[in-house]
Amino acid sequence: MQCFIEDAMLFGKQEPMTYEYYHKVKGGYSPKTAPTYFREIDKTNEKKEEKKMDKYVCDVCGYIYDPKLGDPDNGVPAGTAFEDVPDDWVCPVCGAPKTSFSKKE
């Protein structure tokens, strides 16, 4: 569908503003008094600095505790660092105590 100037509704006898006119006469800039739009920056999307949490390995069976996953079946939510896991927590595979885990290198 093509649109021609003849098809447009004219509100006066002046020459219609075209893209070419806008750049030749106006220089492609809005006047300093023209209202501008400022968008509020959403700071909730800023990337938060993530704390590096180490993985721990069960010395008995080799189970790897990943803090990103946690152990929700045993009451440890995802995102819980190993240091914050309760002392009475045990390995979900073999039942070894928390003291039987060592930091994964």
PDB file of N, CA and C in Angstrom:
ATOM      1  N   MET A   1       0.839  -1.167   0.000  1.00  0.00           N
ATOM      2  CA  MET A   1       0.000   0.000   0.000  1.00  0.00           C
ATOM      3  C   MET A   1       0.891   1.239   0.000  1.00  0.00           C
ATOM      4  N   GLN A   2       0.737   2.065  -1.007  1.00  0.00           N
ATOM      5  CA  GLN A   2       1.533   3.270  -1.108  1.00  0.00           C
ATOM      6  C   GLN A   2       0.738   4.466  -0.623  1.00  0.00           C
ATOM      7  N   CYS A   3       1.448   5.420  -0.027  1.00  0.00           N
ATOM      8  CA  CYS A   3       0.803   6.636   0.451  1.00  0.00           C
ATOM      9  C   CYS A   3       1.431   7.813  -0.287  1.00  0.00           C
ATOM     10  N   PHE A   4       0.612   8.637  -0.871  1.00  0.00           N
ATOM     11  CA  PHE A   4       1.094   9.810  -1.595  1.00  0.00           C
ATOM     12  C   PHE A   4       0.686  11.063  -0.845  1.00  0.00           C
ATOM     13  N   ILE A   5       1.457  12.137  -1.044  1.00  0.00           N
ATOM     14  CA  ILE A   5       1.140  13.410  -0.396  1.00  0.00           C
ATOM     15  C   ILE A   5      -0.247  13.874  -0.808  1.00  0.00           C
ATOM     16  N   GLU A   6      -0.669  13.593  -2.037  1.00  0.00           N
ATOM     17  CA  GLU A   6      -1.993  13.992  -2.494  1.00  0.00           C
ATOM     18  C   GLU A   6      -3.085  13.330  -1.649  1.00  0.00           C
ATOM     19  N   ASP A   7      -2.793  12.124  -1.136  1.00  0.00           N
ATOM     20  CA  ASP A   7      -3.768  11.399  -0.333  1.00  0.00           C
ATOM     21  C   ASP A   7      -3.826  11.913   1.100  1.00  0.00           C
ATOM     22  N   ALA A   8      -2.808  12.646   1.525  1.00  0.00           N
ATOM     23  CA  ALA A   8      -2.745  13.120   2.907  1.00  0.00           C
ATOM     24  C   ALA A   8      -3.650  14.330   3.092  1.00  0.00           C
ATOM     25  N   MET A   9      -4.133  14.491   4.319  1.00  0.00           N
ATOM     26  CA  MET A   9      -4.980  15.634   4.631  1.00  0.00           C
ATOM     27  C   MET A   9      -4.066  16.814   4.961  1.00  0.00           C
ATOM     28  N   LEU A  10      -4.232  17.908   4.255  1.00  0.00           N
ATOM     29  CA  LEU A  10      -3.429  19.099   4.485  1.00  0.00           C
ATOM     30  C   LEU A  10      -4.236  20.085   5.309  1.00  0.00           C
ATOM     31  N   PHE A  11      -3.577  20.721   6.273  1.00  0.00           N
ATOM     32  CA  PHE A  11      -4.243  21.668   7.155  1.00  0.00           C
ATOM     33  C   PHE A  11      -3.942  23.119   6.784  1.00  0.00           C
ATOM     34  N   GLY A  12      -3.206  23.313   5.775  1.00  0.00           N
ATOM     35  CA  GLY A  12      -2.904  24.676   5.359  1.00  0.00           C
ATOM     36  C   GLY A  12      -2.281  24.661   3.981  1.00  0.00           C
ATOM     37  N   LYS A  13      -1.848  25.826   3.555  1.00  0.00           N
ATOM     38  CA  LYS A  13      -1.266  25.960   2.222  1.00  0.00           C
ATOM     39  C   LYS A  13       0.250  25.789   2.250  1.00  0.00           C
ATOM     40  N   GLN A  14       0.837  25.632   3.460  1.00  0.00           N
ATOM     41  CA  GLN A  14       2.290  25.489   3.546  1.00  0.00           C
ATOM     42  C   GLN A  14       2.741  24.173   2.927  1.00  0.00           C
ATOM     43  N   GLU A  15       4.000  24.187   2.579  1.00  0.00           N
ATOM     44  CA  GLU A  15       4.623  22.970   2.071  1.00  0.00           C
ATOM     45  C   GLU A  15       4.687  21.958   3.221  1.00  0.00           C
ATOM     46  N   PRO A  16       4.292  20.719   3.005  1.00  0.00           N
ATOM     47  CA  PRO A  16       4.356  19.748   4.107  1.00  0.00           C
ATOM     48  C   PRO A  16       5.806  19.462   4.491  1.00  0.00           C
ATOM     49  N   MET A  17       6.014  19.209   5.784  1.00  0.00           N
ATOM     50  CA  MET A  17       7.357  18.909   6.258  1.00  0.00           C
ATOM     51  C   MET A  17       7.714  17.494   5.837  1.00  0.00           C
ATOM     52  N   THR A  18       8.816  17.381   5.167  1.00  0.00           N
ATOM     53  CA  THR A  18       9.304  16.076   4.746  1.00  0.00           C
ATOM     54  C   THR A  18      10.568  15.761   5.524  1.00  0.00           C
ATOM     55  N   TYR A  19      11.018  14.569   5.419  1.00  0.00           N
ATOM     56  CA  TYR A  19      12.250  14.156   6.088  1.00  0.00           C
ATOM     57  C   TYR A  19      13.417  15.000   5.585  1.00  0.00           C
ATOM     58  N   GLU A  20      13.445  15.225   4.269  1.00  0.00           N
ATOM     59  CA  GLU A  20      14.505  16.037   3.672  1.00  0.00           C
ATOM     60  C   GLU A  20      14.476  17.459   4.225  1.00  0.00           C
ATOM     61  N   TYR A  21      13.284  18.071   4.302  1.00  0.00           N
ATOM     62  CA  TYR A  21      13.135  19.428   4.848  1.00  0.00           C
ATOM     63  C   TYR A  21      13.579  19.465   6.315  1.00  0.00           C
ATOM     64  N   TYR A  22      13.175  18.489   7.051  1.00  0.00           N
ATOM     65  CA  TYR A  22      13.518  18.421   8.476  1.00  0.00           C
ATOM     66  C   TYR A  22      15.028  18.476   8.666  1.00  0.00           C
ATOM     67  N   HIS A  23      15.770  17.730   7.859  1.00  0.00           N
ATOM     68  CA  HIS A  23      17.218  17.702   8.014  1.00  0.00           C
ATOM     69  C   HIS A  23      17.902  18.932   7.414  1.00  0.00           C
ATOM     70  N   LYS A  24      17.357  19.466   6.328  1.00  0.00           N
ATOM     71  CA  LYS A  24      17.960  20.670   5.726  1.00  0.00           C
ATOM     72  C   LYS A  24      17.727  21.899   6.591  1.00  0.00           C
ATOM     73  N   VAL A  25      16.483  22.128   6.980  1.00  0.00           N
ATOM     74  CA  VAL A  25      16.119  23.348   7.676  1.00  0.00           C
ATOM     75  C   VAL A  25      16.327  23.220   9.183  1.00  0.00           C
ATOM     76  N   LYS A  26      15.852  22.166   9.764  1.00  0.00           N
ATOM     77  CA  LYS A  26      15.937  21.988  11.209  1.00  0.00           C
ATOM     78  C   LYS A  26      17.262  21.371  11.642  1.00  0.00           C
ATOM     79  N   GLY A  27      18.014  20.832  10.719  1.00  0.00           N
ATOM     80  CA  GLY A  27      19.293  20.230  11.057  1.00  0.00           C
ATOM     81  C   GLY A  27      19.155  18.894  11.763  1.00  0.00           C
ATOM     82  N   GLY A  28      17.956  18.349  11.796  1.00  0.00           N
ATOM     83  CA  GLY A  28      17.740  17.052  12.428  1.00  0.00           C
ATOM     84  C   GLY A  28      17.686  17.109  13.939  1.00  0.00           C
ATOM     85  N   TYR A  29      17.596  18.316  14.503  1.00  0.00           N
ATOM     86  CA  TYR A  29      17.565  18.470  15.953  1.00  0.00           C
ATOM     87  C   TYR A  29      16.261  19.104  16.411  1.00  0.00           C
ATOM     88  N   SER A  30      15.839  18.749  17.579  1.00  0.00           N
ATOM     89  CA  SER A  30      14.681  19.390  18.188  1.00  0.00           C
ATOM     90  C   SER A  30      15.141  20.673  18.860  1.00  0.00           C
ATOM     91  N   PRO A  31      14.262  21.676  18.956  1.00  0.00           N
ATOM     92  CA  PRO A  31      14.651  22.905  19.645  1.00  0.00           C
ATOM     93  C   PRO A  31      14.909  22.638  21.131  1.00  0.00           C
ATOM     94  N   LYS A  32      15.709  23.502  21.757  1.00  0.00           N
ATOM     95  CA  LYS A  32      16.048  23.336  23.168  1.00  0.00           C
ATOM     96  C   LYS A  32      14.821  23.407  24.067  1.00  0.00           C
ATOM     97  N   THR A  33      13.783  24.076  23.606  1.00  0.00           N
ATOM     98  CA  THR A  33      12.583  24.219  24.426  1.00  0.00           C
ATOM     99  C   THR A  33      11.607  23.064  24.264  1.00  0.00           C
ATOM    100  N   ALA A  34      11.928  22.119  23.383  1.00  0.00           N
ATOM    101  CA  ALA A  34      11.032  20.988  23.152  1.00  0.00           C
ATOM    102  C   ALA A  34      11.025  20.079  24.378  1.00  0.00           C
ATOM    103  N   PRO A  35       9.841  19.593  24.759  1.00  0.00           N
ATOM    104  CA  PRO A  35       9.808  18.672  25.899  1.00  0.00           C
ATOM    105  C   PRO A  35      10.516  17.375  25.542  1.00  0.00           C
ATOM    106  N   THR A  36      11.160  16.784  26.515  1.00  0.00           N
ATOM    107  CA  THR A  36      11.865  15.528  26.288  1.00  0.00           C
ATOM    108  C   THR A  36      11.311  14.465  27.216  1.00  0.00           C
ATOM    109  N   TYR A  37      11.576  13.254  26.869  1.00  0.00           N
ATOM    110  CA  TYR A  37      11.091  12.114  27.645  1.00  0.00           C
ATOM    111  C   TYR A  37      12.264  11.500  28.380  1.00  0.00           C
ATOM    112  N   PHE A  38      12.168  11.430  29.679  1.00  0.00           N
ATOM    113  CA  PHE A  38      13.190  10.772  30.488  1.00  0.00           C
ATOM    114  C   PHE A  38      12.582   9.522  31.089  1.00  0.00           C
ATOM    115  N   ARG A  39      13.213   8.410  30.830  1.00  0.00           N
ATOM    116  CA  ARG A  39      12.719   7.150  31.361  1.00  0.00           C
ATOM    117  C   ARG A  39      13.423   6.866  32.677  1.00  0.00           C
ATOM    118  N   GLU A  40      12.638   6.522  33.670  1.00  0.00           N
ATOM    119  CA  GLU A  40      13.202   6.147  34.972  1.00  0.00           C
ATOM    120  C   GLU A  40      13.955   4.828  34.789  1.00  0.00           C
ATOM    121  N   ILE A  41      15.188   4.799  35.199  1.00  0.00           N
ATOM    122  CA  ILE A  41      15.997   3.596  35.049  1.00  0.00           C
ATOM    123  C   ILE A  41      15.578   2.589  36.110  1.00  0.00           C
ATOM    124  N   ASP A  42      15.286   1.391  35.648  1.00  0.00           N
ATOM    125  CA  ASP A  42      14.868   0.323  36.546  1.00  0.00           C
ATOM    126  C   ASP A  42      16.107  -0.310  37.156  1.00  0.00           C
ATOM    127  N   LYS A  43      16.345  -0.023  38.427  1.00  0.00           N
ATOM    128  CA  LYS A  43      17.551  -0.510  39.087  1.00  0.00           C
ATOM    129  C   LYS A  43      17.407  -1.944  39.590  1.00  0.00           C
ATOM    130  N   THR A  44      16.216  -2.513  39.487  1.00  0.00           N
ATOM    131  CA  THR A  44      16.040  -3.885  39.950  1.00  0.00           C
ATOM    132  C   THR A  44      16.680  -4.871  38.980  1.00  0.00           C
ATOM    133  N   ASN A  45      16.890  -4.456  37.730  1.00  0.00           N
ATOM    134  CA  ASN A  45      17.491  -5.358  36.757  1.00  0.00           C
ATOM    135  C   ASN A  45      19.006  -5.309  36.755  1.00  0.00           C
ATOM    136  N   GLU A  46      19.579  -4.424  37.575  1.00  0.00           N
ATOM    137  CA  GLU A  46      21.030  -4.370  37.636  1.00  0.00           C
ATOM    138  C   GLU A  46      21.554  -5.705  38.147  1.00  0.00           C
ATOM    139  N   LYS A  47      22.627  -6.112  37.567  1.00  0.00           N
ATOM    140  CA  LYS A  47      23.190  -7.390  37.969  1.00  0.00           C
ATOM    141  C   LYS A  47      23.824  -7.245  39.347  1.00  0.00           C
ATOM    142  N   LYS A  48      23.333  -8.015  40.258  1.00  0.00           N
ATOM    143  CA  LYS A  48      23.879  -7.988  41.608  1.00  0.00           C
ATOM    144  C   LYS A  48      25.146  -8.830  41.641  1.00  0.00           C
ATOM    145  N   GLU A  49      26.079  -8.361  42.440  1.00  0.00           N
ATOM    146  CA  GLU A  49      27.317  -9.106  42.578  1.00  0.00           C
ATOM    147  C   GLU A  49      27.021 -10.393  43.329  1.00  0.00           C
ATOM    148  N   GLU A  50      27.268 -11.502  42.654  1.00  0.00           N
ATOM    149  CA  GLU A  50      26.967 -12.788  43.265  1.00  0.00           C
ATOM    150  C   GLU A  50      28.137 -13.232  44.133  1.00  0.00           C
ATOM    151  N   LYS A  51      27.787 -13.735  45.308  1.00  0.00           N
ATOM    152  CA  LYS A  51      28.800 -14.250  46.220  1.00  0.00           C
ATOM    153  C   LYS A  51      29.191 -15.640  45.744  1.00  0.00           C
ATOM    154  N   LYS A  52      30.485 -15.862  45.599  1.00  0.00           N
ATOM    155  CA  LYS A  52      30.987 -17.160  45.159  1.00  0.00           C
ATOM    156  C   LYS A  52      30.816 -18.150  46.288  1.00  0.00           C
ATOM    157  N   MET A  53      30.037 -19.187  46.041  1.00  0.00           N
ATOM    158  CA  MET A  53      29.822 -20.222  47.048  1.00  0.00           C
ATOM    159  C   MET A  53      30.486 -21.507  46.566  1.00  0.00           C
ATOM    160  N   ASP A  54      31.289 -22.090  47.431  1.00  0.00           N
ATOM    161  CA  ASP A  54      32.021 -23.301  47.084  1.00  0.00           C
ATOM    162  C   ASP A  54      31.139 -24.535  47.189  1.00  0.00           C
ATOM    163  N   LYS A  55      31.492 -25.536  46.379  1.00  0.00           N
ATOM    164  CA  LYS A  55      30.825 -26.835  46.445  1.00  0.00           C
ATOM    165  C   LYS A  55      31.615 -27.711  47.414  1.00  0.00           C
ATOM    166  N   TYR A  56      30.900 -28.621  48.055  1.00  0.00           N
ATOM    167  CA  TYR A  56      31.526 -29.534  49.010  1.00  0.00           C
ATOM    168  C   TYR A  56      31.220 -30.969  48.610  1.00  0.00           C
ATOM    169  N   VAL A  57      32.189 -31.864  48.866  1.00  0.00           N
ATOM    170  CA  VAL A  57      32.075 -33.266  48.485  1.00  0.00           C
ATOM    171  C   VAL A  57      32.050 -34.135  49.733  1.00  0.00           C
ATOM    172  N   CYS A  58      31.144 -35.112  49.733  1.00  0.00           N
ATOM    173  CA  CYS A  58      31.086 -36.073  50.832  1.00  0.00           C
ATOM    174  C   CYS A  58      32.291 -37.015  50.698  1.00  0.00           C
ATOM    175  N   ASP A  59      33.085 -37.091  51.771  1.00  0.00           N
ATOM    176  CA  ASP A  59      34.276 -37.946  51.743  1.00  0.00           C
ATOM    177  C   ASP A  59      33.919 -39.426  51.755  1.00  0.00           C
ATOM    178  N   VAL A  60      32.698 -39.766  52.147  1.00  0.00           N
ATOM    179  CA  VAL A  60      32.290 -41.172  52.246  1.00  0.00           C
ATOM    180  C   VAL A  60      31.782 -41.694  50.903  1.00  0.00           C
ATOM    181  N   CYS A  61      30.831 -40.966  50.277  1.00  0.00           N
ATOM    182  CA  CYS A  61      30.199 -41.498  49.065  1.00  0.00           C
ATOM    183  C   CYS A  61      30.446 -40.674  47.803  1.00  0.00           C
ATOM    184  N   GLY A  62      30.976 -39.458  47.935  1.00  0.00           N
ATOM    185  CA  GLY A  62      31.257 -38.640  46.755  1.00  0.00           C
ATOM    186  C   GLY A  62      30.126 -37.697  46.347  1.00  0.00           C
ATOM    187  N   TYR A  63      29.056 -37.654  47.156  1.00  0.00           N
ATOM    188  CA  TYR A  63      27.949 -36.724  46.868  1.00  0.00           C
ATOM    189  C   TYR A  63      28.488 -35.297  46.888  1.00  0.00           C
ATOM    190  N   ILE A  64      28.068 -34.479  45.916  1.00  0.00           N
ATOM    191  CA  ILE A  64      28.518 -33.090  45.845  1.00  0.00           C
ATOM    192  C   ILE A  64      27.371 -32.177  46.261  1.00  0.00           C
ATOM    193  N   TYR A  65      27.623 -31.391  47.310  1.00  0.00           N
ATOM    194  CA  TYR A  65      26.636 -30.391  47.738  1.00  0.00           C
ATOM    195  C   TYR A  65      26.878 -29.135  46.919  1.00  0.00           C
ATOM    196  N   ASP A  66      25.875 -28.741  46.125  1.00  0.00           N
ATOM    197  CA  ASP A  66      25.943 -27.532  45.306  1.00  0.00           C
ATOM    198  C   ASP A  66      25.047 -26.486  45.951  1.00  0.00           C
ATOM    199  N   PRO A  67      25.614 -25.371  46.433  1.00  0.00           N
ATOM    200  CA  PRO A  67      24.799 -24.359  47.111  1.00  0.00           C
ATOM    201  C   PRO A  67      23.721 -23.747  46.223  1.00  0.00           C
ATOM    202  N   LYS A  68      23.930 -23.735  44.913  1.00  0.00           N
ATOM    203  CA  LYS A  68      22.902 -23.198  44.014  1.00  0.00           C
ATOM    204  C   LYS A  68      21.647 -24.063  44.055  1.00  0.00           C
ATOM    205  N   LEU A  69      21.828 -25.361  44.256  1.00  0.00           N
ATOM    206  CA  LEU A  69      20.692 -26.293  44.296  1.00  0.00           C
ATOM    207  C   LEU A  69      20.197 -26.527  45.714  1.00  0.00           C
ATOM    208  N   GLY A  70      21.109 -26.475  46.687  1.00  0.00           N
ATOM    209  CA  GLY A  70      20.743 -26.769  48.065  1.00  0.00           C
ATOM    210  C   GLY A  70      20.345 -28.230  48.215  1.00  0.00           C
ATOM    211  N   ASP A  71      19.535 -28.510  49.226  1.00  0.00           N
ATOM    212  CA  ASP A  71      18.981 -29.856  49.442  1.00  0.00           C
ATOM    213  C   ASP A  71      17.553 -29.679  49.943  1.00  0.00           C
ATOM    214  N   PRO A  72      16.644 -29.234  49.054  1.00  0.00           N
ATOM    215  CA  PRO A  72      15.284 -28.922  49.487  1.00  0.00           C
ATOM    216  C   PRO A  72      14.530 -30.115  50.091  1.00  0.00           C
ATOM    217  N   ASP A  73      14.877 -31.334  49.705  1.00  0.00           N
ATOM    218  CA  ASP A  73      14.203 -32.510  50.261  1.00  0.00           C
ATOM    219  C   ASP A  73      14.507 -32.679  51.748  1.00  0.00           C
ATOM    220  N   ASN A  74      15.633 -32.102  52.186  1.00  0.00           N
ATOM    221  CA  ASN A  74      16.030 -32.217  53.586  1.00  0.00           C
ATOM    222  C   ASN A  74      16.059 -30.861  54.297  1.00  0.00           C
ATOM    223  N   GLY A  75      15.305 -29.916  53.785  1.00  0.00           N
ATOM    224  CA  GLY A  75      15.129 -28.635  54.464  1.00  0.00           C
ATOM    225  C   GLY A  75      16.196 -27.585  54.228  1.00  0.00           C
ATOM    226  N   VAL A  76      17.044 -27.751  53.209  1.00  0.00           N
ATOM    227  CA  VAL A  76      18.065 -26.756  52.900  1.00  0.00           C
ATOM    228  C   VAL A  76      17.685 -26.119  51.556  1.00  0.00           C
ATOM    229  N   PRO A  77      17.198 -24.868  51.581  1.00  0.00           N
ATOM    230  CA  PRO A  77      16.751 -24.239  50.332  1.00  0.00           C
ATOM    231  C   PRO A  77      17.905 -23.914  49.383  1.00  0.00           C
ATOM    232  N   ALA A  78      17.581 -23.779  48.092  1.00  0.00           N
ATOM    233  CA  ALA A  78      18.575 -23.405  47.087  1.00  0.00           C
ATOM    234  C   ALA A  78      19.164 -22.047  47.448  1.00  0.00           C
ATOM    235  N   GLY A  79      20.458 -21.879  47.181  1.00  0.00           N
ATOM    236  CA  GLY A  79      21.138 -20.629  47.494  1.00  0.00           C
ATOM    237  C   GLY A  79      21.755 -20.595  48.879  1.00  0.00           C
ATOM    238  N   THR A  80      21.728 -21.725  49.581  1.00  0.00           N
ATOM    239  CA  THR A  80      22.293 -21.785  50.933  1.00  0.00           C
ATOM    240  C   THR A  80      23.754 -22.221  50.856  1.00  0.00           C
ATOM    241  N   ALA A  81      24.641 -21.366  51.361  1.00  0.00           N
ATOM    242  CA  ALA A  81      26.062 -21.722  51.400  1.00  0.00           C
ATOM    243  C   ALA A  81      26.266 -22.883  52.364  1.00  0.00           C
ATOM    244  N   PHE A  82      27.295 -23.681  52.108  1.00  0.00           N
ATOM    245  CA  PHE A  82      27.531 -24.857  52.945  1.00  0.00           C
ATOM    246  C   PHE A  82      27.744 -24.471  54.401  1.00  0.00           C
ATOM    247  N   GLU A  83      28.376 -23.322  54.631  1.00  0.00           N
ATOM    248  CA  GLU A  83      28.617 -22.855  55.988  1.00  0.00           C
ATOM    249  C   GLU A  83      27.311 -22.568  56.732  1.00  0.00           C
ATOM    250  N   ASP A  84      26.252 -22.250  55.988  1.00  0.00           N
ATOM    251  CA  ASP A  84      24.956 -21.927  56.587  1.00  0.00           C
ATOM    252  C   ASP A  84      24.031 -23.137  56.730  1.00  0.00           C
ATOM    253  N   VAL A  85      24.474 -24.279  56.230  1.00  0.00           N
ATOM    254  CA  VAL A  85      23.686 -25.504  56.378  1.00  0.00           C
ATOM    255  C   VAL A  85      23.717 -25.889  57.856  1.00  0.00           C
ATOM    256  N   PRO A  86      22.582 -26.310  58.434  1.00  0.00           N
ATOM    257  CA  PRO A  86      22.562 -26.686  59.860  1.00  0.00           C
ATOM    258  C   PRO A  86      23.580 -27.788  60.171  1.00  0.00           C
ATOM    259  N   ASP A  87      24.125 -27.747  61.387  1.00  0.00           N
ATOM    260  CA  ASP A  87      25.148 -28.719  61.794  1.00  0.00           C
ATOM    261  C   ASP A  87      24.611 -30.144  61.887  1.00  0.00           C
ATOM    262  N   ASP A  88      23.290 -30.280  62.070  1.00  0.00           N
ATOM    263  CA  ASP A  88      22.721 -31.633  62.167  1.00  0.00           C
ATOM    264  C   ASP A  88      22.323 -32.198  60.802  1.00  0.00           C
ATOM    265  N   TRP A  89      22.607 -31.482  59.739  1.00  0.00           N
ATOM    266  CA  TRP A  89      22.309 -31.959  58.380  1.00  0.00           C
ATOM    267  C   TRP A  89      23.227 -33.121  58.055  1.00  0.00           C
ATOM    268  N   VAL A  90      22.708 -34.090  57.328  1.00  0.00           N
ATOM    269  CA  VAL A  90      23.503 -35.250  56.927  1.00  0.00           C
ATOM    270  C   VAL A  90      23.443 -35.421  55.417  1.00  0.00           C
ATOM    271  N   CYS A  91      24.401 -36.133  54.877  1.00  0.00           N
ATOM    272  CA  CYS A  91      24.460 -36.404  53.440  1.00  0.00           C
ATOM    273  C   CYS A  91      23.178 -37.117  53.021  1.00  0.00           C
ATOM    274  N   PRO A  92      22.504 -36.624  51.996  1.00  0.00           N
ATOM    275  CA  PRO A  92      21.253 -37.251  51.580  1.00  0.00           C
ATOM    276  C   PRO A  92      21.430 -38.622  50.937  1.00  0.00           C
ATOM    277  N   VAL A  93      22.653 -38.997  50.571  1.00  0.00           N
ATOM    278  CA  VAL A  93      22.886 -40.293  49.931  1.00  0.00           C
ATOM    279  C   VAL A  93      23.281 -41.355  50.952  1.00  0.00           C
ATOM    280  N   CYS A  94      24.291 -41.033  51.794  1.00  0.00           N
ATOM    281  CA  CYS A  94      24.808 -42.062  52.692  1.00  0.00           C
ATOM    282  C   CYS A  94      24.565 -41.771  54.174  1.00  0.00           C
ATOM    283  N   GLY A  95      24.107 -40.582  54.501  1.00  0.00           N
ATOM    284  CA  GLY A  95      23.814 -40.253  55.895  1.00  0.00           C
ATOM    285  C   GLY A  95      25.020 -39.795  56.692  1.00  0.00           C
ATOM    286  N   ALA A  96      26.136 -39.507  56.015  1.00  0.00           N
ATOM    287  CA  ALA A  96      27.339 -39.041  56.724  1.00  0.00           C
ATOM    288  C   ALA A  96      27.085 -37.633  57.276  1.00  0.00           C
ATOM    289  N   PRO A  97      27.683 -37.298  58.423  1.00  0.00           N
ATOM    290  CA  PRO A  97      27.467 -35.966  59.000  1.00  0.00           C
ATOM    291  C   PRO A  97      28.145 -34.875  58.172  1.00  0.00           C
ATOM    292  N   LYS A  98      27.760 -33.638  58.460  1.00  0.00           N
ATOM    293  CA  LYS A  98      28.305 -32.475  57.738  1.00  0.00           C
ATOM    294  C   LYS A  98      29.822 -32.403  57.872  1.00  0.00           C
ATOM    295  N   THR A  99      30.355 -32.879  58.974  1.00  0.00           N
ATOM    296  CA  THR A  99      31.806 -32.842  59.192  1.00  0.00           C
ATOM    297  C   THR A  99      32.579 -33.769  58.247  1.00  0.00           C
ATOM    298  N   SER A 100      31.866 -34.662  57.553  1.00  0.00           N
ATOM    299  CA  SER A 100      32.511 -35.583  56.612  1.00  0.00           C
ATOM    300  C   SER A 100      32.629 -34.987  55.211  1.00  0.00           C
ATOM    301  N   PHE A 101      32.335 -33.710  55.067  1.00  0.00           N
ATOM    302  CA  PHE A 101      32.432 -33.049  53.765  1.00  0.00           C
ATOM    303  C   PHE A 101      33.697 -32.216  53.700  1.00  0.00           C
ATOM    304  N   SER A 102      34.275 -32.146  52.521  1.00  0.00           N
ATOM    305  CA  SER A 102      35.436 -31.298  52.292  1.00  0.00           C
ATOM    306  C   SER A 102      35.197 -30.427  51.060  1.00  0.00           C
ATOM    307  N   LYS A 103      35.861 -29.263  51.044  1.00  0.00           N
ATOM    308  CA  LYS A 103      35.669 -28.306  49.957  1.00  0.00           C
ATOM    309  C   LYS A 103      36.168 -28.904  48.653  1.00  0.00           C
ATOM    310  N   LYS A 104      35.367 -28.775  47.612  1.00  0.00           N
ATOM    311  CA  LYS A 104      35.746 -29.280  46.296  1.00  0.00           C
ATOM    312  C   LYS A 104      36.716 -28.291  45.654  1.00  0.00           C
ATOM    313  N   GLU A 105      37.810 -28.781  45.159  1.00  0.00           N
ATOM    314  CA  GLU A 105      38.829 -27.924  44.550  1.00  0.00           C
ATOM    315  C   GLU A 105      38.529 -27.694  43.090  1.00  0.00           C
TER     316      GLU A 105
END
